[in-house]
């Protein structure tokens, strides 16, 4: 047979050489980091509470046209003006 030598190499079972063991050791070292212990409910809630306490209210300003409060860099929801001109047309109530 032409491929008899290849079949013998593939089917024979012998222990792995030292050069393969080094690669397996390398893969044992490189693993994903996992927590060693479970985080308690208090620790988790403390972390979340600290985050939500740092959130700030959005910046508001007084509309120069109508005097109502509006978000900065947005059209006024009351009159529809932005930077001195009307950008959103308001429906006239009869």
Protein backbone atom coordinates (compact mmCIF):
# COMPACT_ATOMS: atom_id res chain seq x y z
CA UNK A 1 0.00 0.00 0.00
CA UNK A 2 1.09 3.49 -0.73
CA UNK A 3 -0.25 5.07 2.49
CA UNK A 4 0.58 2.19 4.84
CA UNK A 5 3.23 4.20 6.68
CA UNK A 6 0.82 7.06 7.37
CA UNK A 7 -1.82 4.71 8.73
CA UNK A 8 0.67 3.18 11.12
CA UNK A 9 1.67 6.57 12.46
CA UNK A 10 -1.94 7.59 12.95
CA UNK A 11 -3.05 4.34 14.60
CA UNK A 12 -0.16 3.60 16.92
CA UNK A 13 -0.58 4.85 20.46
CA UNK A 14 2.43 6.13 22.32
CA UNK A 15 2.80 8.77 25.00
CA UNK A 16 3.07 12.37 23.94
CA UNK A 17 6.53 13.79 23.58
CA UNK A 18 7.89 16.60 25.73
CA UNK A 19 7.28 19.17 23.00
CA UNK A 20 3.52 18.51 23.13
CA UNK A 21 3.37 18.60 26.93
CA UNK A 22 4.77 22.14 26.86
CA UNK A 23 1.91 23.30 24.65
CA UNK A 24 -0.71 21.71 26.90
CA UNK A 25 0.80 23.46 29.92
CA UNK A 26 0.58 26.73 28.04
CA UNK A 27 -3.16 26.26 27.49
CA UNK A 28 -3.69 25.40 31.16
CA UNK A 29 -2.21 28.73 32.21
CA UNK A 30 -4.18 30.91 29.76
CA UNK A 31 -7.78 30.72 30.98
CA UNK A 32 -10.54 33.22 31.53
CA UNK A 33 -10.57 34.99 34.88
CA UNK A 34 -13.33 33.78 37.18
CA UNK A 35 -14.34 35.06 40.60
CA UNK A 36 -13.10 32.98 43.51
CA UNK A 37 -16.13 33.72 45.68
CA UNK A 38 -19.71 34.81 45.16
CA UNK A 39 -20.33 38.52 45.62
CA UNK A 40 -22.81 39.11 48.41
CA UNK A 41 -26.09 40.92 47.86
CA UNK A 42 -24.88 43.82 49.97
CA UNK A 43 -21.73 44.23 47.90
CA UNK A 44 -23.63 44.08 44.62
CA UNK A 45 -26.29 46.52 45.79
CA UNK A 46 -23.69 48.86 47.23
CA UNK A 47 -21.90 48.99 43.89
CA UNK A 48 -25.13 49.67 42.01
CA UNK A 49 -26.26 52.34 44.48
CA UNK A 50 -22.94 54.10 44.15
CA UNK A 51 -23.35 54.23 40.38
CA UNK A 52 -26.90 55.57 40.45
CA UNK A 53 -26.01 58.23 43.03
CA UNK A 54 -23.45 59.66 40.61
CA UNK A 55 -25.97 60.26 37.82
CA UNK A 56 -26.75 63.92 37.42
CA UNK A 57 -29.87 65.70 36.28
CA UNK A 58 -29.72 66.91 32.68
CA UNK A 59 -28.68 70.51 32.09
CA UNK A 60 -31.63 72.82 31.60
CA UNK A 61 -31.86 76.48 30.70
CA UNK A 62 -34.51 79.14 30.32
CA UNK A 63 -35.87 79.58 26.80
CA UNK A 64 -34.98 83.11 25.60
CA UNK A 65 -38.23 83.31 23.62
CA UNK A 66 -40.92 82.20 26.09
CA UNK A 67 -39.03 81.84 29.40
CA UNK A 68 -39.98 78.19 29.90
CA UNK A 69 -37.32 75.68 30.99
CA UNK A 70 -35.89 73.48 28.23
CA UNK A 71 -33.04 71.07 27.69
CA UNK A 72 -29.87 72.63 26.37
CA UNK A 73 -29.18 72.31 22.63
CA UNK A 74 -32.79 71.26 21.99
CA UNK A 75 -35.83 73.06 20.63
CA UNK A 76 -38.18 74.42 23.27
CA UNK A 77 -41.14 72.06 23.75
CA UNK A 78 -43.39 75.03 24.63
CA UNK A 79 -42.79 77.43 21.73
CA UNK A 80 -40.66 75.40 19.28
CA UNK A 81 -37.82 77.95 19.03
CA UNK A 82 -34.13 77.11 18.92
CA UNK A 83 -31.31 79.66 18.60
CA UNK A 84 -33.63 82.54 17.84
CA UNK A 85 -35.80 80.97 15.14
CA UNK A 86 -38.84 78.70 15.06
CA UNK A 87 -37.81 75.18 14.06
CA UNK A 88 -40.94 73.29 15.18
CA UNK A 89 -44.25 74.79 14.15
CA UNK A 90 -46.79 74.87 16.96
CA UNK A 91 -50.48 74.18 16.18
CA UNK A 92 -52.71 77.22 16.77
CA UNK A 93 -55.54 76.52 19.21
CA UNK A 94 -58.86 78.23 18.25
